[in-house]
Amino acid sequence: MNNHFSNKNLKDFLEFKYRQYNRPEFIECDPVSVPHQFKKKEDFEVAGFLTATIAWGQRKTIIRNALSMLERMEFEPHDFILNSTAPEKIKFTTFVHRTFNGIDCVYFLTSLQNIYQNHNGLENCFKGNNVKKAILNFRKVFFELPHPARTEKHVANPTAGSSAKRINMFLRWMVRKDKQGVDFGLWNQIRPSELFCPLDVHSGRVARKLGLLSRKQNDWKAVEELTANLRKLDACDPVKYDYALFGLGVFEGF
């Protein structure tokens, strides 16, 4: 880490910004507001996973389209995934969010059904002795059914260099535990210390300005570098600083 701050000053600054943004007020205009509408663990998982899948572009559009998906499930996501028939999935063929279309959506529902019926649910698919392996294990299970080749691009592959921003964000929601009530902290197979920081244009720009990231591309190697530096600041909960980086980038144009 090479920056204008001493390590202590940088940590103090990021702690301050983390506390500023990791608050219930953050939820309202963020995609995490969508799974927050539910009470049951499996509903959080399904709503969270589908919302995270389409979490790129304008946040208002992400939230609107995620709610449109859930409305077609009558806001019973887990029940729909478990019990829906092929004809009931037809109403999703008209769904579009940027490059994620009806073909992709129908496969996602079919694969989630397979996961909840035959693999003991989403959490059970994220196995591996580190998060990268857990993502790859999940990806293997997710695409074990016959599927359109085009749909594979909607589940990140860290081995191919993807920063896996949306899956890392989903894992943050499910794994991180604190008393602020933004992240759910429902999963126990992965520890918060093992998570990787979601990396996008905003957090990448801020991380480079703060000397937390030297790599130019926003790829998996950059995610590893950034997270390794965040672990030096808090080894138990490095990705809490995602709030600081995101808030500085999106709300403050840092």
C-alpha atoms as a PDB file:
ATOM      1  CA  MET A   1       0.000   0.000   0.000  1.00  0.00           C
ATOM      2  CA  ASN A   2       1.482   3.243  -1.157  1.00  0.00           C
ATOM      3  CA  ASN A   3      -0.561   6.362  -0.620  1.00  0.00           C
ATOM      4  CA  HIS A   4      -0.844   9.856   0.801  1.00  0.00           C
ATOM      5  CA  PHE A   5      -2.213   8.446   4.071  1.00  0.00           C
ATOM      6  CA  SER A   6      -0.267   6.596   6.731  1.00  0.00           C
ATOM      7  CA  ASN A   7      -1.787   3.135   7.281  1.00  0.00           C
ATOM      8  CA  LYS A   8      -3.369   4.323  10.522  1.00  0.00           C
ATOM      9  CA  ASN A   9      -4.856   7.430   8.904  1.00  0.00           C
ATOM     10  CA  LEU A  10      -6.144   5.378   5.964  1.00  0.00           C
ATOM     11  CA  LYS A  11      -7.758   2.877   8.330  1.00  0.00           C
ATOM     12  CA  ASP A  12      -9.333   5.689  10.385  1.00  0.00           C
ATOM     13  CA  PHE A  13     -10.647   7.353   7.213  1.00  0.00           C
ATOM     14  CA  LEU A  14     -12.118   4.123   5.810  1.00  0.00           C
ATOM     15  CA  GLU A  15     -13.620   3.179   9.199  1.00  0.00           C
ATOM     16  CA  PHE A  16     -15.332   6.573   9.307  1.00  0.00           C
ATOM     17  CA  LYS A  17     -16.704   6.175   5.769  1.00  0.00           C
ATOM     18  CA  TYR A  18     -17.753   2.563   6.435  1.00  0.00           C
ATOM     19  CA  ARG A  19     -19.794   3.701   9.456  1.00  0.00           C
ATOM     20  CA  GLN A  20     -21.237   6.577   7.418  1.00  0.00           C
ATOM     21  CA  TYR A  21     -22.590   4.298   4.682  1.00  0.00           C
ATOM     22  CA  ASN A  22     -23.239   0.949   6.410  1.00  0.00           C
ATOM     23  CA  ARG A  23     -26.579   2.083   7.822  1.00  0.00           C
ATOM     24  CA  PRO A  24     -30.239   1.235   7.206  1.00  0.00           C
ATOM     25  CA  GLU A  25     -30.592   4.501   5.209  1.00  0.00           C
ATOM     26  CA  PHE A  26     -28.194   2.978   2.645  1.00  0.00           C
ATOM     27  CA  ILE A  27     -30.695   0.203   1.871  1.00  0.00           C
ATOM     28  CA  GLU A  28     -33.420   2.328   0.313  1.00  0.00           C
ATOM     29  CA  CYS A  29     -31.629   3.257  -2.928  1.00  0.00           C
ATOM     30  CA  ASP A  30     -29.483   0.112  -3.193  1.00  0.00           C
ATOM     31  CA  PRO A  31     -30.309  -3.258  -4.831  1.00  0.00           C
ATOM     32  CA  VAL A  32     -30.011  -4.886  -1.363  1.00  0.00           C
ATOM     33  CA  SER A  33     -33.422  -3.271  -0.685  1.00  0.00           C
ATOM     34  CA  VAL A  34     -35.026  -6.009  -2.807  1.00  0.00           C
ATOM     35  CA  PRO A  35     -34.127  -9.078  -0.680  1.00  0.00           C
ATOM     36  CA  HIS A  36     -34.787  -6.943   2.419  1.00  0.00           C
ATOM     37  CA  GLN A  37     -38.493  -7.172   1.606  1.00  0.00           C
ATOM     38  CA  PHE A  38     -38.562 -10.813   2.723  1.00  0.00           C
ATOM     39  CA  LYS A  39     -38.447 -12.655   6.046  1.00  0.00           C
ATOM     40  CA  LYS A  40     -37.463 -16.242   5.195  1.00  0.00           C
ATOM     41  CA  LYS A  41     -33.839 -17.330   4.635  1.00  0.00           C
ATOM     42  CA  GLU A  42     -34.582 -19.024   1.294  1.00  0.00           C
ATOM     43  CA  ASP A  43     -36.542 -15.997   0.053  1.00  0.00           C
ATOM     44  CA  PHE A  44     -33.563 -13.767   0.933  1.00  0.00           C
ATOM     45  CA  GLU A  45     -31.308 -16.152  -1.010  1.00  0.00           C
ATOM     46  CA  VAL A  46     -33.406 -16.405  -4.177  1.00  0.00           C
ATOM     47  CA  ALA A  47     -34.371 -12.713  -4.264  1.00  0.00           C
ATOM     48  CA  GLY A  48     -30.786 -11.724  -3.407  1.00  0.00           C
ATOM     49  CA  PHE A  49     -29.204 -13.967  -6.019  1.00  0.00           C
ATOM     50  CA  LEU A  50     -31.530 -12.853  -8.824  1.00  0.00           C
ATOM     51  CA  THR A  51     -31.127  -9.184  -7.862  1.00  0.00           C
ATOM     52  CA  ALA A  52     -27.328  -9.469  -7.677  1.00  0.00           C
ATOM     53  CA  THR A  53     -27.327 -11.190 -11.085  1.00  0.00           C
ATOM     54  CA  ILE A  54     -28.764  -8.096 -12.774  1.00  0.00           C
ATOM     55  CA  ALA A  55     -26.914  -5.565 -10.589  1.00  0.00           C
ATOM     56  CA  TRP A  56     -25.181  -3.536 -13.247  1.00  0.00           C
ATOM     57  CA  GLY A  57     -26.278  -0.230 -14.704  1.00  0.00           C
ATOM     58  CA  GLN A  58     -28.492   2.347 -12.970  1.00  0.00           C
ATOM     59  CA  ARG A  59     -29.517   1.305  -9.495  1.00  0.00           C
ATOM     60  CA  LYS A  60     -33.129   2.477  -9.974  1.00  0.00           C
ATOM     61  CA  THR A  61     -33.418   0.271 -13.063  1.00  0.00           C
ATOM     62  CA  ILE A  62     -31.842  -2.711 -11.268  1.00  0.00           C
ATOM     63  CA  ILE A  63     -34.346  -2.415  -8.406  1.00  0.00           C
ATOM     64  CA  ARG A  64     -37.317  -1.932 -10.752  1.00  0.00           C
ATOM     65  CA  ASN A  65     -36.380  -4.956 -12.887  1.00  0.00           C
ATOM     66  CA  ALA A  66     -35.625  -7.170  -9.870  1.00  0.00           C
ATOM     67  CA  LEU A  67     -39.063  -6.340  -8.454  1.00  0.00           C
ATOM     68  CA  SER A  68     -40.585  -7.134 -11.859  1.00  0.00           C
ATOM     69  CA  MET A  69     -39.017 -10.616 -11.691  1.00  0.00           C
ATOM     70  CA  LEU A  70     -40.319 -11.169  -8.169  1.00  0.00           C
ATOM     71  CA  GLU A  71     -43.774  -9.862  -9.024  1.00  0.00           C
ATOM     72  CA  ARG A  72     -44.034 -12.643 -11.622  1.00  0.00           C
ATOM     73  CA  MET A  73     -43.390 -15.054  -8.712  1.00  0.00           C
ATOM     74  CA  GLU A  74     -46.154 -13.342  -6.697  1.00  0.00           C
ATOM     75  CA  PHE A  75     -43.418 -12.317  -4.253  1.00  0.00           C
ATOM     76  CA  GLU A  76     -43.000 -15.929  -3.113  1.00  0.00           C
ATOM     77  CA  PRO A  77     -39.556 -16.575  -4.652  1.00  0.00           C
ATOM     78  CA  HIS A  78     -38.584 -19.768  -2.803  1.00  0.00           C
ATOM     79  CA  ASP A  79     -42.034 -21.316  -3.186  1.00  0.00           C
ATOM     80  CA  PHE A  80     -42.045 -20.449  -6.897  1.00  0.00           C
ATOM     81  CA  ILE A  81     -38.566 -21.911  -7.428  1.00  0.00           C
ATOM     82  CA  LEU A  82     -39.483 -25.146  -5.642  1.00  0.00           C
ATOM     83  CA  ASN A  83     -42.884 -25.743  -7.192  1.00  0.00           C
ATOM     84  CA  SER A  84     -43.185 -23.948 -10.543  1.00  0.00           C
ATOM     85  CA  THR A  85     -43.838 -25.907 -13.724  1.00  0.00           C
ATOM     86  CA  ALA A  86     -42.403 -25.201 -17.179  1.00  0.00           C
ATOM     87  CA  PRO A  87     -45.617 -23.428 -18.338  1.00  0.00           C
ATOM     88  CA  GLU A  88     -45.463 -21.155 -15.277  1.00  0.00           C
ATOM     89  CA  LYS A  89     -41.967 -20.074 -16.276  1.00  0.00           C
ATOM     90  CA  ILE A  90     -43.172 -18.909 -19.721  1.00  0.00           C
ATOM     91  CA  LYS A  91     -44.111 -15.471 -18.309  1.00  0.00           C
ATOM     92  CA  PHE A  92     -40.383 -14.857 -17.761  1.00  0.00           C
ATOM     93  CA  THR A  93     -39.538 -15.165 -21.467  1.00  0.00           C
ATOM     94  CA  THR A  94     -40.361 -11.456 -21.894  1.00  0.00           C
ATOM     95  CA  PHE A  95     -38.018 -10.355 -19.098  1.00  0.00           C
ATOM     96  CA  VAL A  96     -35.086  -8.144 -20.134  1.00  0.00           C
ATOM     97  CA  HIS A  97     -32.382  -6.361 -18.180  1.00  0.00           C
ATOM     98  CA  ARG A  98     -29.662  -5.116 -20.513  1.00  0.00           C
ATOM     99  CA  THR A  99     -28.035  -8.308 -21.923  1.00  0.00           C
ATOM    100  CA  PHE A 100     -29.838 -10.611 -19.449  1.00  0.00           C
ATOM    101  CA  ASN A 101     -32.962 -11.692 -21.316  1.00  0.00           C
ATOM    102  CA  GLY A 102     -35.891 -14.118 -21.071  1.00  0.00           C
ATOM    103  CA  ILE A 103     -33.835 -17.123 -22.247  1.00  0.00           C
ATOM    104  CA  ASP A 104     -31.300 -16.466 -19.487  1.00  0.00           C
ATOM    105  CA  CYS A 105     -34.004 -15.826 -16.911  1.00  0.00           C
ATOM    106  CA  VAL A 106     -35.849 -19.088 -17.595  1.00  0.00           C
ATOM    107  CA  TYR A 107     -32.599 -21.065 -17.299  1.00  0.00           C
ATOM    108  CA  PHE A 108     -31.762 -19.293 -14.016  1.00  0.00           C
ATOM    109  CA  LEU A 109     -35.139 -20.328 -12.590  1.00  0.00           C
ATOM    110  CA  THR A 110     -34.714 -23.903 -13.829  1.00  0.00           C
ATOM    111  CA  SER A 111     -31.214 -24.152 -12.395  1.00  0.00           C
ATOM    112  CA  LEU A 112     -32.288 -22.690  -9.036  1.00  0.00           C
ATOM    113  CA  GLN A 113     -35.090 -25.259  -8.954  1.00  0.00           C
ATOM    114  CA  ASN A 114     -32.515 -28.022  -9.475  1.00  0.00           C
ATOM    115  CA  ILE A 115     -30.341 -26.509  -6.731  1.00  0.00           C
ATOM    116  CA  TYR A 116     -33.164 -26.373  -4.156  1.00  0.00           C
ATOM    117  CA  GLN A 117     -34.642 -29.747  -5.108  1.00  0.00           C
ATOM    118  CA  ASN A 118     -31.406 -31.740  -5.528  1.00  0.00           C
ATOM    119  CA  HIS A 119     -28.498 -29.866  -3.901  1.00  0.00           C
ATOM    120  CA  ASN A 120     -29.928 -28.735  -0.579  1.00  0.00           C
ATOM    121  CA  GLY A 121     -30.114 -25.055  -1.547  1.00  0.00           C
ATOM    122  CA  LEU A 122     -27.846 -22.215  -2.625  1.00  0.00           C
ATOM    123  CA  GLU A 123     -25.614 -22.043   0.448  1.00  0.00           C
ATOM    124  CA  ASN A 124     -24.709 -25.699   0.064  1.00  0.00           C
ATOM    125  CA  CYS A 125     -23.413 -25.068  -3.484  1.00  0.00           C
ATOM    126  CA  PHE A 126     -20.820 -22.527  -2.346  1.00  0.00           C
ATOM    127  CA  LYS A 127     -18.351 -25.094  -1.056  1.00  0.00           C
ATOM    128  CA  GLY A 128     -14.598 -24.980  -1.266  1.00  0.00           C
ATOM    129  CA  ASN A 129     -11.695 -24.168   1.005  1.00  0.00           C
ATOM    130  CA  ASN A 130     -11.614 -20.600  -0.329  1.00  0.00           C
ATOM    131  CA  VAL A 131     -14.129 -18.265  -1.932  1.00  0.00           C
ATOM    132  CA  LYS A 132     -12.713 -18.570  -5.448  1.00  0.00           C
ATOM    133  CA  LYS A 133     -13.136 -22.369  -5.294  1.00  0.00           C
ATOM    134  CA  ALA A 134     -16.601 -21.901  -3.779  1.00  0.00           C
ATOM    135  CA  ILE A 135     -17.637 -19.685  -6.714  1.00  0.00           C
ATOM    136  CA  LEU A 136     -16.252 -22.207  -9.206  1.00  0.00           C
ATOM    137  CA  ASN A 137     -18.042 -25.068  -7.433  1.00  0.00           C
ATOM    138  CA  PHE A 138     -21.293 -23.115  -7.525  1.00  0.00           C
ATOM    139  CA  ARG A 139     -20.809 -22.328 -11.213  1.00  0.00           C
ATOM    140  CA  LYS A 140     -20.276 -26.018 -12.019  1.00  0.00           C
ATOM    141  CA  VAL A 141     -23.507 -26.989 -10.237  1.00  0.00           C
ATOM    142  CA  PHE A 142     -25.403 -24.055 -11.736  1.00  0.00           C
ATOM    143  CA  PHE A 143     -24.598 -25.111 -15.300  1.00  0.00           C
ATOM    144  CA  GLU A 144     -24.915 -28.880 -14.851  1.00  0.00           C
ATOM    145  CA  LEU A 145     -28.244 -28.901 -16.750  1.00  0.00           C
ATOM    146  CA  PRO A 146     -28.439 -28.408 -20.532  1.00  0.00           C
ATOM    147  CA  HIS A 147     -28.305 -24.633 -21.027  1.00  0.00           C
ATOM    148  CA  PRO A 148     -27.872 -21.963 -23.702  1.00  0.00           C
ATOM    149  CA  ALA A 149     -24.182 -21.086 -24.121  1.00  0.00           C
ATOM    150  CA  ARG A 150     -25.064 -17.387 -24.003  1.00  0.00           C
ATOM    151  CA  THR A 151     -26.280 -17.715 -20.388  1.00  0.00           C
ATOM    152  CA  GLU A 152     -22.832 -18.676 -19.060  1.00  0.00           C
ATOM    153  CA  LYS A 153     -21.663 -15.058 -19.214  1.00  0.00           C
ATOM    154  CA  HIS A 154     -24.176 -14.165 -16.491  1.00  0.00           C
ATOM    155  CA  VAL A 155     -22.392 -16.215 -13.826  1.00  0.00           C
ATOM    156  CA  ALA A 156     -18.859 -14.916 -13.334  1.00  0.00           C
ATOM    157  CA  ASN A 157     -15.838 -17.153 -13.822  1.00  0.00           C
ATOM    158  CA  PRO A 158     -12.833 -15.928 -11.781  1.00  0.00           C
ATOM    159  CA  THR A 159     -10.549 -18.410 -13.583  1.00  0.00           C
ATOM    160  CA  ALA A 160     -11.292 -16.576 -16.829  1.00  0.00           C
ATOM    161  CA  GLY A 161     -10.262 -13.331 -15.109  1.00  0.00           C
ATOM    162  CA  SER A 162     -13.696 -11.962 -14.192  1.00  0.00           C
ATOM    163  CA  SER A 163     -13.783  -9.699 -11.128  1.00  0.00           C
ATOM    164  CA  ALA A 164     -17.009 -11.542 -10.144  1.00  0.00           C
ATOM    165  CA  LYS A 165     -18.368  -8.297  -8.704  1.00  0.00           C
ATOM    166  CA  ARG A 166     -21.987  -9.418  -8.521  1.00  0.00           C
ATOM    167  CA  ILE A 167     -21.292 -12.797  -6.912  1.00  0.00           C
ATOM    168  CA  ASN A 168     -18.913 -11.202  -4.414  1.00  0.00           C
ATOM    169  CA  MET A 169     -21.625  -8.662  -3.584  1.00  0.00           C
ATOM    170  CA  PHE A 170     -24.205 -11.433  -3.143  1.00  0.00           C
ATOM    171  CA  LEU A 171     -21.779 -13.308  -0.867  1.00  0.00           C
ATOM    172  CA  ARG A 172     -21.215 -10.128   1.144  1.00  0.00           C
ATOM    173  CA  TRP A 173     -24.977  -9.853   1.654  1.00  0.00           C
ATOM    174  CA  MET A 174     -25.288 -13.489   2.752  1.00  0.00           C
ATOM    175  CA  VAL A 175     -22.108 -13.896   4.840  1.00  0.00           C
ATOM    176  CA  ARG A 176     -21.178 -10.582   6.513  1.00  0.00           C
ATOM    177  CA  LYS A 177     -22.470 -10.236  10.033  1.00  0.00           C
ATOM    178  CA  ASP A 178     -22.774  -6.945  11.893  1.00  0.00           C
ATOM    179  CA  LYS A 179     -25.445  -5.096  13.830  1.00  0.00           C
ATOM    180  CA  GLN A 180     -26.181  -2.470  11.161  1.00  0.00           C
ATOM    181  CA  GLY A 181     -28.773  -4.550   9.333  1.00  0.00           C
ATOM    182  CA  VAL A 182     -27.668  -3.962   5.732  1.00  0.00           C
ATOM    183  CA  ASP A 183     -26.000  -7.354   5.122  1.00  0.00           C
ATOM    184  CA  PHE A 184     -27.973 -10.429   6.191  1.00  0.00           C
ATOM    185  CA  GLY A 185     -25.231 -12.606   7.706  1.00  0.00           C
ATOM    186  CA  LEU A 186     -27.242 -15.807   7.206  1.00  0.00           C
ATOM    187  CA  TRP A 187     -24.579 -18.154   5.860  1.00  0.00           C
ATOM    188  CA  ASN A 188     -21.962 -19.908   7.967  1.00  0.00           C
ATOM    189  CA  GLN A 189     -19.999 -22.081   5.507  1.00  0.00           C
ATOM    190  CA  ILE A 190     -17.892 -19.070   4.470  1.00  0.00           C
ATOM    191  CA  ARG A 191     -16.320 -16.783   7.063  1.00  0.00           C
ATOM    192  CA  PRO A 192     -16.474 -12.977   6.614  1.00  0.00           C
ATOM    193  CA  SER A 193     -12.643 -12.937   6.702  1.00  0.00           C
ATOM    194  CA  GLU A 194     -12.585 -15.079   3.522  1.00  0.00           C
ATOM    195  CA  LEU A 195     -14.800 -12.807   1.421  1.00  0.00           C
ATOM    196  CA  PHE A 196     -13.465 -10.813  -1.533  1.00  0.00           C
ATOM    197  CA  CYS A 197     -14.330  -7.167  -2.088  1.00  0.00           C
ATOM    198  CA  PRO A 198     -16.833  -6.514  -4.894  1.00  0.00           C
ATOM    199  CA  LEU A 199     -14.920  -4.470  -7.459  1.00  0.00           C
ATOM    200  CA  ASP A 200     -16.492  -2.147 -10.000  1.00  0.00           C
ATOM    201  CA  VAL A 201     -15.589   1.072 -11.802  1.00  0.00           C
ATOM    202  CA  HIS A 202     -16.392   3.247  -8.762  1.00  0.00           C
ATOM    203  CA  SER A 203     -14.679   1.203  -6.032  1.00  0.00           C
ATOM    204  CA  GLY A 204     -11.711   0.534  -8.343  1.00  0.00           C
ATOM    205  CA  ARG A 205     -11.199   4.240  -9.021  1.00  0.00           C
ATOM    206  CA  VAL A 206     -11.331   5.102  -5.303  1.00  0.00           C
ATOM    207  CA  ALA A 207      -9.079   2.168  -4.338  1.00  0.00           C
ATOM    208  CA  ARG A 208      -6.421   3.332  -6.827  1.00  0.00           C
ATOM    209  CA  LYS A 209      -6.582   6.916  -5.538  1.00  0.00           C
ATOM    210  CA  LEU A 210      -6.109   5.637  -1.973  1.00  0.00           C
ATOM    211  CA  GLY A 211      -3.179   3.406  -2.975  1.00  0.00           C
ATOM    212  CA  LEU A 212      -5.079   0.198  -2.185  1.00  0.00           C
ATOM    213  CA  LEU A 213      -4.877  -1.032  -5.771  1.00  0.00           C
ATOM    214  CA  SER A 214      -2.138  -0.656  -8.374  1.00  0.00           C
ATOM    215  CA  ARG A 215      -3.445  -3.030 -11.059  1.00  0.00           C
ATOM    216  CA  LYS A 216      -5.047  -1.165 -13.969  1.00  0.00           C
ATOM    217  CA  GLN A 217      -7.740  -3.683 -15.034  1.00  0.00           C
ATOM    218  CA  ASN A 218     -10.759  -4.499 -12.862  1.00  0.00           C
ATOM    219  CA  ASP A 219     -10.201  -8.269 -13.012  1.00  0.00           C
ATOM    220  CA  TRP A 220      -9.807 -11.133 -10.518  1.00  0.00           C
ATOM    221  CA  LYS A 221      -6.134 -10.314  -9.891  1.00  0.00           C
ATOM    222  CA  ALA A 222      -7.191  -6.770  -8.968  1.00  0.00           C
ATOM    223  CA  VAL A 223      -9.827  -8.194  -6.607  1.00  0.00           C
ATOM    224  CA  GLU A 224      -7.139 -10.304  -4.904  1.00  0.00           C
ATOM    225  CA  GLU A 225      -4.771  -7.338  -4.603  1.00  0.00           C
ATOM    226  CA  LEU A 226      -7.435  -4.992  -3.228  1.00  0.00           C
ATOM    227  CA  THR A 227      -8.771  -7.548  -0.752  1.00  0.00           C
ATOM    228  CA  ALA A 228      -5.257  -8.431   0.459  1.00  0.00           C
ATOM    229  CA  ASN A 229      -4.712  -4.732   1.240  1.00  0.00           C
ATOM    230  CA  LEU A 230      -8.084  -4.440   2.986  1.00  0.00           C
ATOM    231  CA  ARG A 231      -7.199  -7.499   5.103  1.00  0.00           C
ATOM    232  CA  LYS A 232      -4.185  -5.566   6.397  1.00  0.00           C
ATOM    233  CA  LEU A 233      -6.655  -3.003   7.766  1.00  0.00           C
ATOM    234  CA  ASP A 234      -9.167  -5.547   9.156  1.00  0.00           C
ATOM    235  CA  ALA A 235      -8.298  -9.229   8.850  1.00  0.00           C
ATOM    236  CA  CYS A 236     -11.656 -10.399  10.256  1.00  0.00           C
ATOM    237  CA  ASP A 237     -13.967  -8.281   8.113  1.00  0.00           C
ATOM    238  CA  PRO A 238     -12.090  -6.806   5.127  1.00  0.00           C
ATOM    239  CA  VAL A 239     -15.080  -6.304   2.819  1.00  0.00           C
ATOM    240  CA  LYS A 240     -16.835  -3.927   5.212  1.00  0.00           C
ATOM    241  CA  TYR A 241     -14.690  -1.317   3.460  1.00  0.00           C
ATOM    242  CA  ASP A 242     -16.706  -1.949   0.293  1.00  0.00           C
ATOM    243  CA  TYR A 243     -19.207   0.511   1.793  1.00  0.00           C
ATOM    244  CA  ALA A 244     -16.493   3.150   2.150  1.00  0.00           C
ATOM    245  CA  LEU A 245     -15.115   2.666  -1.379  1.00  0.00           C
ATOM    246  CA  PHE A 246     -18.565   2.536  -2.956  1.00  0.00           C
ATOM    247  CA  GLY A 247     -19.894   5.524  -1.002  1.00  0.00           C
ATOM    248  CA  LEU A 248     -16.828   7.631  -1.783  1.00  0.00           C
ATOM    249  CA  GLY A 249     -17.101   6.757  -5.476  1.00  0.00           C
ATOM    250  CA  VAL A 250     -20.855   6.963  -6.077  1.00  0.00           C
ATOM    251  CA  PHE A 251     -22.029   9.590  -3.597  1.00  0.00           C
ATOM    252  CA  GLU A 252     -18.954  11.773  -3.243  1.00  0.00           C
ATOM    253  CA  GLY A 253     -17.264  11.439  -6.658  1.00  0.00           C
ATOM    254  CA  PHE A 254     -13.972  10.942  -4.796  1.00  0.00           C
END
